[in-house]
Amino acid sequence: MTECAVCGAPMRPSQLVCAYCGAAGRVFENVEQELEALRELSAAAQKLGAKGDDVSTELLGRMGFGTSSRERISSFWRNAFVPRTVDGLEHAVLMAIGLLSTGAWQSTWHQPTKQANQAILDRLTALESALRIAASREPEAQRRCTTIRDEIALARTNLRSAHVKGALFYAALMLGMLSLLGCMGLLAVAIGGLSL
């Protein structure tokens, strides 16, 4: 057994990425190793998410006495290794975009979803920087890198659109409730005026 250079967690020699923090366990020599590492990364994230927390661990995590599963997943994606090849980066970007939650209500008001989305946006920012570097290293890949970066921009636009929809939905709900309360108040005054 070896230890992760980032978080110190135990790692089997055959592991490509740390199952706890997502850091690379070694330098990858080729695209195939990067893609295999991304598959391992995805499987590790799913295991972390599936573990969940019991109520006491979750509460202690929120109070600062431990790390909740949501915080572990967010930290995992923020620390996850960033591929160097265009193929690896493309795969990582598609993986990250697929993890974004663009439901209007959840992405706007549900704190765990907002937290997870922010971690994914942070990952997309890191991947976008790596794409710029890859494009400068491989001029023939510039068009492909630009297309991938356009997909990242589209994902961010879709998330912003979901936030706007969530805010509009909330505003409409509040206006409806205020209107209902106003009608009830008028009805109460009218009924009170009739009984005099």
C-alpha atoms as a PDB file:
ATOM      1  CA  MET A   1       0.000   0.000   0.000  1.00  0.00           C
ATOM      2  CA  THR A   2       1.085   3.511  -0.789  1.00  0.00           C
ATOM      3  CA  GLU A   3      -0.349   6.818   0.357  1.00  0.00           C
ATOM      4  CA  CYS A   4      -2.029   9.560  -1.649  1.00  0.00           C
ATOM      5  CA  ALA A   5       0.400  12.458  -2.018  1.00  0.00           C
ATOM      6  CA  VAL A   6      -2.452  14.954  -1.525  1.00  0.00           C
ATOM      7  CA  CYS A   7      -4.604  13.619   1.332  1.00  0.00           C
ATOM      8  CA  GLY A   8      -2.543  10.728   2.729  1.00  0.00           C
ATOM      9  CA  ALA A   9      -5.276   8.125   2.192  1.00  0.00           C
ATOM     10  CA  PRO A  10      -4.107   4.567   1.528  1.00  0.00           C
ATOM     11  CA  MET A  11      -3.867   3.611  -2.156  1.00  0.00           C
ATOM     12  CA  ARG A  12      -3.320   0.237  -3.783  1.00  0.00           C
ATOM     13  CA  PRO A  13      -0.422   0.242  -6.257  1.00  0.00           C
ATOM     14  CA  SER A  14      -2.903  -0.515  -9.061  1.00  0.00           C
ATOM     15  CA  GLN A  15      -5.047   2.562  -8.287  1.00  0.00           C
ATOM     16  CA  LEU A  16      -4.760   5.427 -10.745  1.00  0.00           C
ATOM     17  CA  VAL A  17      -6.588   8.012  -8.607  1.00  0.00           C
ATOM     18  CA  CYS A  18      -7.234   8.468  -4.910  1.00  0.00           C
ATOM     19  CA  ALA A  19     -10.686   7.204  -3.963  1.00  0.00           C
ATOM     20  CA  TYR A  20     -10.998   9.909  -1.286  1.00  0.00           C
ATOM     21  CA  CYS A  21      -9.754  13.128  -2.867  1.00  0.00           C
ATOM     22  CA  GLY A  22      -9.608  12.377  -6.614  1.00  0.00           C
ATOM     23  CA  ALA A  23      -5.929  13.247  -7.010  1.00  0.00           C
ATOM     24  CA  ALA A  24      -3.846  11.356  -9.556  1.00  0.00           C
ATOM     25  CA  GLY A  25      -1.768   8.576  -8.067  1.00  0.00           C
ATOM     26  CA  ARG A  26       0.890   8.884 -10.768  1.00  0.00           C
ATOM     27  CA  VAL A  27       1.785  10.684 -13.974  1.00  0.00           C
ATOM     28  CA  PHE A  28      -0.148   9.242 -16.908  1.00  0.00           C
ATOM     29  CA  GLU A  29       1.888   8.315 -19.938  1.00  0.00           C
ATOM     30  CA  ASN A  30      -0.866   8.268 -22.583  1.00  0.00           C
ATOM     31  CA  VAL A  31      -4.502   8.982 -23.396  1.00  0.00           C
ATOM     32  CA  GLU A  32      -5.623   5.442 -22.539  1.00  0.00           C
ATOM     33  CA  GLN A  33      -4.283   5.805 -18.994  1.00  0.00           C
ATOM     34  CA  GLU A  34      -6.013   9.164 -18.612  1.00  0.00           C
ATOM     35  CA  LEU A  35      -9.332   7.740 -19.816  1.00  0.00           C
ATOM     36  CA  GLU A  36      -8.988   4.752 -17.475  1.00  0.00           C
ATOM     37  CA  ALA A  37      -8.197   7.168 -14.635  1.00  0.00           C
ATOM     38  CA  LEU A  38     -11.332   9.173 -15.481  1.00  0.00           C
ATOM     39  CA  ARG A  39     -13.434   5.983 -15.321  1.00  0.00           C
ATOM     40  CA  GLU A  40     -11.871   5.200 -11.938  1.00  0.00           C
ATOM     41  CA  LEU A  41     -12.525   8.787 -10.837  1.00  0.00           C
ATOM     42  CA  SER A  42     -16.200   8.472 -11.769  1.00  0.00           C
ATOM     43  CA  ALA A  43     -16.551   5.164  -9.913  1.00  0.00           C
ATOM     44  CA  ALA A  44     -14.871   6.631  -6.816  1.00  0.00           C
ATOM     45  CA  ALA A  45     -17.205   9.654  -6.865  1.00  0.00           C
ATOM     46  CA  GLN A  46     -20.238   7.378  -7.143  1.00  0.00           C
ATOM     47  CA  LYS A  47     -19.052   5.351  -4.142  1.00  0.00           C
ATOM     48  CA  LEU A  48     -18.491   8.512  -2.113  1.00  0.00           C
ATOM     49  CA  GLY A  49     -21.980   9.738  -3.014  1.00  0.00           C
ATOM     50  CA  ALA A  50     -23.580   6.381  -2.268  1.00  0.00           C
ATOM     51  CA  LYS A  51     -22.075   6.209   1.220  1.00  0.00           C
ATOM     52  CA  GLY A  52     -24.176   9.106   2.408  1.00  0.00           C
ATOM     53  CA  ASP A  53     -24.252  10.100   6.041  1.00  0.00           C
ATOM     54  CA  ASP A  54     -26.336   9.194   8.987  1.00  0.00           C
ATOM     55  CA  VAL A  55     -28.131  12.100  10.656  1.00  0.00           C
ATOM     56  CA  SER A  56     -25.573  12.578  13.442  1.00  0.00           C
ATOM     57  CA  THR A  57     -22.602  12.640  11.034  1.00  0.00           C
ATOM     58  CA  GLU A  58     -24.424  15.082   8.767  1.00  0.00           C
ATOM     59  CA  LEU A  59     -25.271  17.394  11.681  1.00  0.00           C
ATOM     60  CA  LEU A  60     -21.754  17.213  13.089  1.00  0.00           C
ATOM     61  CA  GLY A  61     -20.424  17.988   9.610  1.00  0.00           C
ATOM     62  CA  ARG A  62     -22.623  21.054   9.349  1.00  0.00           C
ATOM     63  CA  MET A  63     -21.399  22.239  12.740  1.00  0.00           C
ATOM     64  CA  GLY A  64     -17.785  21.923  11.643  1.00  0.00           C
ATOM     65  CA  PHE A  65     -16.968  18.733  13.559  1.00  0.00           C
ATOM     66  CA  GLY A  66     -16.696  16.444  10.560  1.00  0.00           C
ATOM     67  CA  THR A  67     -17.104  16.306   6.839  1.00  0.00           C
ATOM     68  CA  SER A  68     -20.532  15.550   5.407  1.00  0.00           C
ATOM     69  CA  SER A  69     -20.903  13.472   2.254  1.00  0.00           C
ATOM     70  CA  ARG A  70     -21.826  16.599   0.254  1.00  0.00           C
ATOM     71  CA  GLU A  71     -18.657  18.325   1.407  1.00  0.00           C
ATOM     72  CA  ARG A  72     -16.607  15.230   0.565  1.00  0.00           C
ATOM     73  CA  ILE A  73     -18.084  15.076  -2.955  1.00  0.00           C
ATOM     74  CA  SER A  74     -17.535  18.816  -3.497  1.00  0.00           C
ATOM     75  CA  SER A  75     -13.965  18.557  -2.271  1.00  0.00           C
ATOM     76  CA  PHE A  76     -13.426  15.445  -4.387  1.00  0.00           C
ATOM     77  CA  TRP A  77     -14.414  17.197  -7.625  1.00  0.00           C
ATOM     78  CA  ARG A  78     -12.391  20.296  -6.742  1.00  0.00           C
ATOM     79  CA  ASN A  79      -9.279  18.142  -6.185  1.00  0.00           C
ATOM     80  CA  ALA A  80      -9.890  15.637  -8.989  1.00  0.00           C
ATOM     81  CA  PHE A  81      -6.993  15.288 -11.378  1.00  0.00           C
ATOM     82  CA  VAL A  82      -7.110  17.287 -14.603  1.00  0.00           C
ATOM     83  CA  PRO A  83      -6.095  15.415 -17.758  1.00  0.00           C
ATOM     84  CA  ARG A  84      -3.421  16.864 -20.030  1.00  0.00           C
ATOM     85  CA  THR A  85      -4.486  15.438 -23.390  1.00  0.00           C
ATOM     86  CA  VAL A  86      -7.305  16.884 -25.467  1.00  0.00           C
ATOM     87  CA  ASP A  87      -9.083  13.492 -25.515  1.00  0.00           C
ATOM     88  CA  GLY A  88      -8.849  13.242 -21.734  1.00  0.00           C
ATOM     89  CA  LEU A  89     -10.008  16.823 -21.275  1.00  0.00           C
ATOM     90  CA  GLU A  90     -12.945  16.321 -23.613  1.00  0.00           C
ATOM     91  CA  HIS A  91     -14.029  13.242 -21.653  1.00  0.00           C
ATOM     92  CA  ALA A  92     -13.618  15.070 -18.317  1.00  0.00           C
ATOM     93  CA  VAL A  93     -15.646  18.060 -19.552  1.00  0.00           C
ATOM     94  CA  LEU A  94     -18.500  15.844 -20.749  1.00  0.00           C
ATOM     95  CA  MET A  95     -18.440  14.020 -17.409  1.00  0.00           C
ATOM     96  CA  ALA A  96     -18.601  17.299 -15.482  1.00  0.00           C
ATOM     97  CA  ILE A  97     -21.361  18.795 -17.627  1.00  0.00           C
ATOM     98  CA  GLY A  98     -23.405  15.637 -17.075  1.00  0.00           C
ATOM     99  CA  LEU A  99     -23.148  16.151 -13.305  1.00  0.00           C
ATOM    100  CA  LEU A 100     -24.607  19.675 -13.319  1.00  0.00           C
ATOM    101  CA  SER A 101     -28.132  19.872 -11.967  1.00  0.00           C
ATOM    102  CA  THR A 102     -30.141  22.415 -13.971  1.00  0.00           C
ATOM    103  CA  GLY A 103     -33.541  21.948 -12.370  1.00  0.00           C
ATOM    104  CA  ALA A 104     -34.934  25.448 -11.816  1.00  0.00           C
ATOM    105  CA  TRP A 105     -35.956  24.965  -8.183  1.00  0.00           C
ATOM    106  CA  GLN A 106     -33.067  22.794  -6.985  1.00  0.00           C
ATOM    107  CA  SER A 107     -30.238  24.660  -8.696  1.00  0.00           C
ATOM    108  CA  THR A 108     -31.529  27.950  -7.260  1.00  0.00           C
ATOM    109  CA  TRP A 109     -32.747  27.158  -3.736  1.00  0.00           C
ATOM    110  CA  HIS A 110     -31.582  23.673  -2.694  1.00  0.00           C
ATOM    111  CA  GLN A 111     -28.308  24.311  -0.841  1.00  0.00           C
ATOM    112  CA  PRO A 112     -26.718  20.859  -1.404  1.00  0.00           C
ATOM    113  CA  THR A 113     -27.443  21.091  -5.144  1.00  0.00           C
ATOM    114  CA  LYS A 114     -26.022  24.614  -5.279  1.00  0.00           C
ATOM    115  CA  GLN A 115     -22.924  23.416  -3.436  1.00  0.00           C
ATOM    116  CA  ALA A 116     -22.447  20.465  -5.802  1.00  0.00           C
ATOM    117  CA  ASN A 117     -23.020  22.656  -8.867  1.00  0.00           C
ATOM    118  CA  GLN A 118     -20.414  25.128  -7.630  1.00  0.00           C
ATOM    119  CA  ALA A 119     -17.869  22.322  -7.240  1.00  0.00           C
ATOM    120  CA  ILE A 120     -18.602  21.186 -10.802  1.00  0.00           C
ATOM    121  CA  LEU A 121     -18.320  24.770 -12.103  1.00  0.00           C
ATOM    122  CA  ASP A 122     -14.953  25.048 -10.348  1.00  0.00           C
ATOM    123  CA  ARG A 123     -13.886  21.803 -12.054  1.00  0.00           C
ATOM    124  CA  LEU A 124     -15.057  23.123 -15.425  1.00  0.00           C
ATOM    125  CA  THR A 125     -12.977  26.266 -14.870  1.00  0.00           C
ATOM    126  CA  ALA A 126      -9.881  24.137 -14.205  1.00  0.00           C
ATOM    127  CA  LEU A 127     -10.618  21.999 -17.258  1.00  0.00           C
ATOM    128  CA  GLU A 128     -11.112  25.111 -19.389  1.00  0.00           C
ATOM    129  CA  SER A 129      -7.700  26.426 -18.326  1.00  0.00           C
ATOM    130  CA  ALA A 130      -6.149  23.077 -19.206  1.00  0.00           C
ATOM    131  CA  LEU A 131      -7.847  23.235 -22.620  1.00  0.00           C
ATOM    132  CA  ARG A 132      -6.250  26.616 -23.307  1.00  0.00           C
ATOM    133  CA  ILE A 133      -2.849  25.180 -22.430  1.00  0.00           C
ATOM    134  CA  ALA A 134      -3.466  22.081 -24.564  1.00  0.00           C
ATOM    135  CA  ALA A 135      -4.513  24.266 -27.505  1.00  0.00           C
ATOM    136  CA  SER A 136      -1.284  26.245 -27.234  1.00  0.00           C
ATOM    137  CA  ARG A 137       0.731  23.002 -27.126  1.00  0.00           C
ATOM    138  CA  GLU A 138      -1.160  21.353 -29.985  1.00  0.00           C
ATOM    139  CA  PRO A 139      -2.112  23.933 -32.635  1.00  0.00           C
ATOM    140  CA  GLU A 140      -3.958  21.280 -34.669  1.00  0.00           C
ATOM    141  CA  ALA A 141      -6.292  20.745 -31.698  1.00  0.00           C
ATOM    142  CA  GLN A 142      -7.280  24.411 -31.356  1.00  0.00           C
ATOM    143  CA  ARG A 143     -10.616  24.064 -33.146  1.00  0.00           C
ATOM    144  CA  ARG A 144     -11.546  21.042 -31.052  1.00  0.00           C
ATOM    145  CA  CYS A 145     -10.539  22.843 -27.836  1.00  0.00           C
ATOM    146  CA  THR A 146     -12.641  25.835 -28.866  1.00  0.00           C
ATOM    147  CA  THR A 147     -15.652  23.565 -29.451  1.00  0.00           C
ATOM    148  CA  ILE A 148     -15.217  21.959 -26.020  1.00  0.00           C
ATOM    149  CA  ARG A 149     -14.906  25.399 -24.394  1.00  0.00           C
ATOM    150  CA  ASP A 150     -18.103  26.431 -26.208  1.00  0.00           C
ATOM    151  CA  GLU A 151     -19.846  23.453 -24.588  1.00  0.00           C
ATOM    152  CA  ILE A 152     -18.633  24.620 -21.180  1.00  0.00           C
ATOM    153  CA  ALA A 153     -20.014  28.107 -21.897  1.00  0.00           C
ATOM    154  CA  LEU A 154     -23.344  26.580 -22.955  1.00  0.00           C
ATOM    155  CA  ALA A 155     -23.529  24.545 -19.729  1.00  0.00           C
ATOM    156  CA  ARG A 156     -22.910  27.705 -17.688  1.00  0.00           C
ATOM    157  CA  THR A 157     -25.607  29.537 -19.672  1.00  0.00           C
ATOM    158  CA  ASN A 158     -28.076  26.699 -19.059  1.00  0.00           C
ATOM    159  CA  LEU A 159     -27.343  26.819 -15.333  1.00  0.00           C
ATOM    160  CA  ARG A 160     -27.812  30.621 -15.230  1.00  0.00           C
ATOM    161  CA  SER A 161     -31.087  30.183 -17.122  1.00  0.00           C
ATOM    162  CA  ALA A 162     -32.230  27.639 -14.534  1.00  0.00           C
ATOM    163  CA  HIS A 163     -31.383  30.137 -11.766  1.00  0.00           C
ATOM    164  CA  VAL A 164     -33.460  32.823 -13.481  1.00  0.00           C
ATOM    165  CA  LYS A 165     -36.385  30.406 -13.892  1.00  0.00           C
ATOM    166  CA  GLY A 166     -36.087  29.415 -10.227  1.00  0.00           C
ATOM    167  CA  ALA A 167     -36.082  33.051  -9.117  1.00  0.00           C
ATOM    168  CA  LEU A 168     -39.076  33.873 -11.335  1.00  0.00           C
ATOM    169  CA  PHE A 169     -40.956  30.846 -10.022  1.00  0.00           C
ATOM    170  CA  TYR A 170     -40.248  31.912  -6.447  1.00  0.00           C
ATOM    171  CA  ALA A 171     -41.316  35.507  -7.173  1.00  0.00           C
ATOM    172  CA  ALA A 172     -44.564  34.300  -8.795  1.00  0.00           C
ATOM    173  CA  LEU A 173     -45.220  32.038  -5.818  1.00  0.00           C
ATOM    174  CA  MET A 174     -44.667  34.908  -3.369  1.00  0.00           C
ATOM    175  CA  LEU A 175     -46.881  37.276  -5.389  1.00  0.00           C
ATOM    176  CA  GLY A 176     -49.601  34.622  -5.503  1.00  0.00           C
ATOM    177  CA  MET A 177     -49.413  34.131  -1.755  1.00  0.00           C
ATOM    178  CA  LEU A 178     -49.498  37.888  -1.112  1.00  0.00           C
ATOM    179  CA  SER A 179     -52.492  38.242  -3.442  1.00  0.00           C
ATOM    180  CA  LEU A 180     -54.272  35.435  -1.623  1.00  0.00           C
ATOM    181  CA  LEU A 181     -53.557  37.055   1.739  1.00  0.00           C
ATOM    182  CA  GLY A 182     -54.783  40.400   0.392  1.00  0.00           C
ATOM    183  CA  CYS A 183     -58.022  38.820  -0.850  1.00  0.00           C
ATOM    184  CA  MET A 184     -58.517  37.094   2.483  1.00  0.00           C
ATOM    185  CA  GLY A 185     -57.989  40.440   4.260  1.00  0.00           C
ATOM    186  CA  LEU A 186     -60.518  42.173   2.030  1.00  0.00           C
ATOM    187  CA  LEU A 187     -62.969  39.330   2.565  1.00  0.00           C
ATOM    188  CA  ALA A 188     -62.509  39.585   6.339  1.00  0.00           C
ATOM    189  CA  VAL A 189     -63.135  43.361   6.213  1.00  0.00           C
ATOM    190  CA  ALA A 190     -66.201  42.823   4.039  1.00  0.00           C
ATOM    191  CA  ILE A 191     -67.580  40.163   6.367  1.00  0.00           C
ATOM    192  CA  GLY A 192     -66.779  42.348   9.363  1.00  0.00           C
ATOM    193  CA  GLY A 193     -68.602  45.294   7.703  1.00  0.00           C
ATOM    194  CA  LEU A 194     -71.716  43.171   7.052  1.00  0.00           C
ATOM    195  CA  SER A 195     -72.067  42.089  10.643  1.00  0.00           C
ATOM    196  CA  LEU A 196     -72.224  45.674  11.913  1.00  0.00           C
END
